Amino acid sequence: MDKAAAEQALDTAESVSAKVLGQGRWHPGALLALGALEAAIVLTGGLGQVGLLLMPGSLLPLLAFIIYTATRPVVSRHQRVRYPILGGVVALVVSVAGPLGQVKFAGNPAWWVPAAVLSVIPFALAAWFEVRGRR
């Protein structure tokens, strides 16, 4: 490979890298938005009178997170390992906080606010992994 071909290959790789990074800039923000939606659903279901809708509704952001990740042909490093773990943590928090909270702590902010915060943490970690992976 001569010098001109090597420079052309580097230029091509740089333009592809810029395109891929540009297309993925929205991803951390979307993860944070899903986390905020999860927290809002947990708080609304726990503090409001719609407790029966809590479990199915709280799974919607988690399902969006899992389906999006599973359908990507190319994902960030370690994403296929970390995201199922983080999704499992969200599912665990919601599956414990929802039924137990509805039975023992219905309408009690001391239970539902920490549950909402705990449900956001995995989404925030996923966003942080995305941002950190771009450096």
C-alpha atoms as a PDB file:
ATOM      1  CA  MET A   1       0.000   0.000   0.000  1.00  0.00           C
ATOM      2  CA  ASP A   2       1.463   3.319  -0.991  1.00  0.00           C
ATOM      3  CA  LYS A   3       1.173   6.568   0.929  1.00  0.00           C
ATOM      4  CA  ALA A   4      -1.741   7.959  -1.135  1.00  0.00           C
ATOM      5  CA  ALA A   5      -3.821   4.790  -0.658  1.00  0.00           C
ATOM      6  CA  ALA A   6      -3.109   4.813   3.078  1.00  0.00           C
ATOM      7  CA  GLU A   7      -4.174   8.459   3.379  1.00  0.00           C
ATOM      8  CA  GLN A   8      -7.352   7.747   1.425  1.00  0.00           C
ATOM      9  CA  ALA A   9      -8.156   4.774   3.683  1.00  0.00           C
ATOM     10  CA  LEU A  10      -7.629   6.924   6.787  1.00  0.00           C
ATOM     11  CA  ASP A  11      -9.847   9.683   5.382  1.00  0.00           C
ATOM     12  CA  THR A  12     -12.582   7.162   4.606  1.00  0.00           C
ATOM     13  CA  ALA A  13     -12.353   5.663   8.094  1.00  0.00           C
ATOM     14  CA  GLU A  14     -12.505   9.127   9.662  1.00  0.00           C
ATOM     15  CA  SER A  15     -15.614  10.107   7.685  1.00  0.00           C
ATOM     16  CA  VAL A  16     -17.366   6.843   8.574  1.00  0.00           C
ATOM     17  CA  SER A  17     -16.464   7.331  12.247  1.00  0.00           C
ATOM     18  CA  ALA A  18     -17.837  10.875  12.243  1.00  0.00           C
ATOM     19  CA  LYS A  19     -21.058   9.685  10.594  1.00  0.00           C
ATOM     20  CA  VAL A  20     -21.575   6.856  13.109  1.00  0.00           C
ATOM     21  CA  LEU A  21     -20.862   9.108  16.091  1.00  0.00           C
ATOM     22  CA  GLY A  22     -23.179  11.781  14.727  1.00  0.00           C
ATOM     23  CA  GLN A  23     -26.042   9.322  14.319  1.00  0.00           C
ATOM     24  CA  GLY A  24     -25.654   8.057  17.885  1.00  0.00           C
ATOM     25  CA  ARG A  25     -25.497  11.380  19.735  1.00  0.00           C
ATOM     26  CA  TRP A  26     -29.190  11.244  20.620  1.00  0.00           C
ATOM     27  CA  HIS A  27     -28.902   7.824  22.287  1.00  0.00           C
ATOM     28  CA  PRO A  28     -27.783   8.932  25.812  1.00  0.00           C
ATOM     29  CA  GLY A  29     -30.512  11.565  25.904  1.00  0.00           C
ATOM     30  CA  ALA A  30     -33.108   8.998  24.872  1.00  0.00           C
ATOM     31  CA  LEU A  31     -31.928   6.685  27.643  1.00  0.00           C
ATOM     32  CA  LEU A  32     -32.306   9.472  30.193  1.00  0.00           C
ATOM     33  CA  ALA A  33     -35.774  10.246  28.818  1.00  0.00           C
ATOM     34  CA  LEU A  34     -36.765   6.588  29.204  1.00  0.00           C
ATOM     35  CA  GLY A  35     -35.491   6.710  32.794  1.00  0.00           C
ATOM     36  CA  ALA A  36     -37.517   9.847  33.501  1.00  0.00           C
ATOM     37  CA  LEU A  37     -40.579   8.201  31.967  1.00  0.00           C
ATOM     38  CA  GLU A  38     -40.011   5.127  34.134  1.00  0.00           C
ATOM     39  CA  ALA A  39     -39.804   7.287  37.268  1.00  0.00           C
ATOM     40  CA  ALA A  40     -42.948   9.201  36.293  1.00  0.00           C
ATOM     41  CA  ILE A  41     -44.870   5.971  35.749  1.00  0.00           C
ATOM     42  CA  VAL A  42     -43.714   4.518  39.081  1.00  0.00           C
ATOM     43  CA  LEU A  43     -44.598   7.728  40.934  1.00  0.00           C
ATOM     44  CA  THR A  44     -47.963   8.096  39.206  1.00  0.00           C
ATOM     45  CA  GLY A  45     -48.851   4.466  39.796  1.00  0.00           C
ATOM     46  CA  GLY A  46     -47.760   4.533  43.417  1.00  0.00           C
ATOM     47  CA  LEU A  47     -49.031   7.901  44.545  1.00  0.00           C
ATOM     48  CA  GLY A  48     -52.131   8.063  42.380  1.00  0.00           C
ATOM     49  CA  GLN A  49     -55.214   5.898  42.202  1.00  0.00           C
ATOM     50  CA  VAL A  50     -54.053   3.994  39.113  1.00  0.00           C
ATOM     51  CA  GLY A  51     -52.111   1.285  40.911  1.00  0.00           C
ATOM     52  CA  LEU A  52     -53.516  -1.505  38.749  1.00  0.00           C
ATOM     53  CA  LEU A  53     -51.886   0.073  35.692  1.00  0.00           C
ATOM     54  CA  LEU A  54     -48.501   0.381  37.403  1.00  0.00           C
ATOM     55  CA  MET A  55     -46.922  -2.913  36.363  1.00  0.00           C
ATOM     56  CA  PRO A  56     -47.863  -2.964  32.656  1.00  0.00           C
ATOM     57  CA  GLY A  57     -47.190   0.753  32.298  1.00  0.00           C
ATOM     58  CA  SER A  58     -43.841   0.602  34.045  1.00  0.00           C
ATOM     59  CA  LEU A  59     -42.650  -2.091  31.685  1.00  0.00           C
ATOM     60  CA  LEU A  60     -43.141   0.061  28.563  1.00  0.00           C
ATOM     61  CA  PRO A  61     -39.888   2.089  28.855  1.00  0.00           C
ATOM     62  CA  LEU A  62     -38.016  -1.093  29.729  1.00  0.00           C
ATOM     63  CA  LEU A  63     -39.433  -2.896  26.692  1.00  0.00           C
ATOM     64  CA  ALA A  64     -38.519   0.033  24.436  1.00  0.00           C
ATOM     65  CA  PHE A  65     -34.979  -0.086  25.849  1.00  0.00           C
ATOM     66  CA  ILE A  66     -34.635  -3.852  25.293  1.00  0.00           C
ATOM     67  CA  ILE A  67     -36.240  -3.950  21.837  1.00  0.00           C
ATOM     68  CA  TYR A  68     -34.173  -1.046  20.530  1.00  0.00           C
ATOM     69  CA  THR A  69     -30.946  -2.627  21.755  1.00  0.00           C
ATOM     70  CA  ALA A  70     -31.812  -6.077  20.424  1.00  0.00           C
ATOM     71  CA  THR A  71     -32.652  -4.802  16.942  1.00  0.00           C
ATOM     72  CA  ARG A  72     -29.432  -2.837  16.356  1.00  0.00           C
ATOM     73  CA  PRO A  73     -27.010  -4.580  13.984  1.00  0.00           C
ATOM     74  CA  VAL A  74     -24.055  -2.710  15.505  1.00  0.00           C
ATOM     75  CA  VAL A  75     -23.884  -1.668  19.143  1.00  0.00           C
ATOM     76  CA  SER A  76     -21.316  -0.067  21.408  1.00  0.00           C
ATOM     77  CA  ARG A  77     -18.706  -2.119  23.175  1.00  0.00           C
ATOM     78  CA  HIS A  78     -20.125  -4.322  25.969  1.00  0.00           C
ATOM     79  CA  GLN A  79     -23.664  -3.088  25.278  1.00  0.00           C
ATOM     80  CA  ARG A  80     -25.040  -6.566  24.624  1.00  0.00           C
ATOM     81  CA  VAL A  81     -23.747  -7.647  28.056  1.00  0.00           C
ATOM     82  CA  ARG A  82     -24.508  -4.559  30.144  1.00  0.00           C
ATOM     83  CA  TYR A  83     -27.964  -3.684  28.850  1.00  0.00           C
ATOM     84  CA  PRO A  84     -29.665  -6.979  29.773  1.00  0.00           C
ATOM     85  CA  ILE A  85     -28.173  -6.677  33.266  1.00  0.00           C
ATOM     86  CA  LEU A  86     -29.397  -3.088  33.609  1.00  0.00           C
ATOM     87  CA  GLY A  87     -32.800  -4.073  32.220  1.00  0.00           C
ATOM     88  CA  GLY A  88     -32.977  -6.886  34.755  1.00  0.00           C
ATOM     89  CA  VAL A  89     -32.267  -4.414  37.553  1.00  0.00           C
ATOM     90  CA  VAL A  90     -35.129  -2.174  36.381  1.00  0.00           C
ATOM     91  CA  ALA A  91     -37.436  -5.194  36.175  1.00  0.00           C
ATOM     92  CA  LEU A  92     -36.404  -6.274  39.681  1.00  0.00           C
ATOM     93  CA  VAL A  93     -36.985  -2.813  41.162  1.00  0.00           C
ATOM     94  CA  VAL A  94     -40.397  -2.486  39.520  1.00  0.00           C
ATOM     95  CA  SER A  95     -41.469  -6.054  40.320  1.00  0.00           C
ATOM     96  CA  VAL A  96     -40.604  -5.593  44.008  1.00  0.00           C
ATOM     97  CA  ALA A  97     -41.631  -1.961  44.466  1.00  0.00           C
ATOM     98  CA  GLY A  98     -44.905  -2.230  42.552  1.00  0.00           C
ATOM     99  CA  PRO A  99     -46.766  -5.084  44.247  1.00  0.00           C
ATOM    100  CA  LEU A 100     -45.231  -4.589  47.693  1.00  0.00           C
ATOM    101  CA  GLY A 101     -45.825  -0.854  47.537  1.00  0.00           C
ATOM    102  CA  GLN A 102     -49.438  -1.267  46.450  1.00  0.00           C
ATOM    103  CA  VAL A 103     -50.143  -3.609  49.361  1.00  0.00           C
ATOM    104  CA  LYS A 104     -48.140  -2.024  52.181  1.00  0.00           C
ATOM    105  CA  PHE A 105     -47.343   1.557  51.120  1.00  0.00           C
ATOM    106  CA  ALA A 106     -50.136   2.755  48.836  1.00  0.00           C
ATOM    107  CA  GLY A 107     -49.835   6.516  48.428  1.00  0.00           C
ATOM    108  CA  ASN A 108     -46.789   6.793  50.717  1.00  0.00           C
ATOM    109  CA  PRO A 109     -44.101   9.032  49.142  1.00  0.00           C
ATOM    110  CA  ALA A 110     -41.454   7.581  51.487  1.00  0.00           C
ATOM    111  CA  TRP A 111     -41.752   4.329  49.504  1.00  0.00           C
ATOM    112  CA  TRP A 112     -42.506   5.543  46.006  1.00  0.00           C
ATOM    113  CA  VAL A 113     -39.944   8.341  45.614  1.00  0.00           C
ATOM    114  CA  PRO A 114     -36.964   6.044  46.387  1.00  0.00           C
ATOM    115  CA  ALA A 115     -38.506   3.372  44.139  1.00  0.00           C
ATOM    116  CA  ALA A 116     -38.735   5.906  41.310  1.00  0.00           C
ATOM    117  CA  VAL A 117     -35.133   7.011  41.868  1.00  0.00           C
ATOM    118  CA  LEU A 118     -33.942   3.395  41.888  1.00  0.00           C
ATOM    119  CA  SER A 119     -35.772   2.745  38.622  1.00  0.00           C
ATOM    120  CA  VAL A 120     -33.922   5.643  36.958  1.00  0.00           C
ATOM    121  CA  ILE A 121     -30.417   4.561  37.986  1.00  0.00           C
ATOM    122  CA  PRO A 122     -30.006   1.748  35.387  1.00  0.00           C
ATOM    123  CA  PHE A 123     -31.068   4.079  32.563  1.00  0.00           C
ATOM    124  CA  ALA A 124     -28.650   6.749  33.821  1.00  0.00           C
ATOM    125  CA  LEU A 125     -25.860   4.160  33.971  1.00  0.00           C
ATOM    126  CA  ALA A 126     -26.622   3.076  30.408  1.00  0.00           C
ATOM    127  CA  ALA A 127     -26.460   6.710  29.249  1.00  0.00           C
ATOM    128  CA  TRP A 128     -23.186   7.177  31.112  1.00  0.00           C
ATOM    129  CA  PHE A 129     -21.744   4.042  29.465  1.00  0.00           C
ATOM    130  CA  GLU A 130     -22.755   5.444  26.076  1.00  0.00           C
ATOM    131  CA  VAL A 131     -21.115   8.812  26.707  1.00  0.00           C
ATOM    132  CA  ARG A 132     -18.010   7.249  28.203  1.00  0.00           C
ATOM    133  CA  GLY A 133     -17.700   4.830  25.281  1.00  0.00           C
ATOM    134  CA  ARG A 134     -17.447   7.705  22.793  1.00  0.00           C
ATOM    135  CA  ARG A 135     -14.222   9.101  24.173  1.00  0.00           C
END
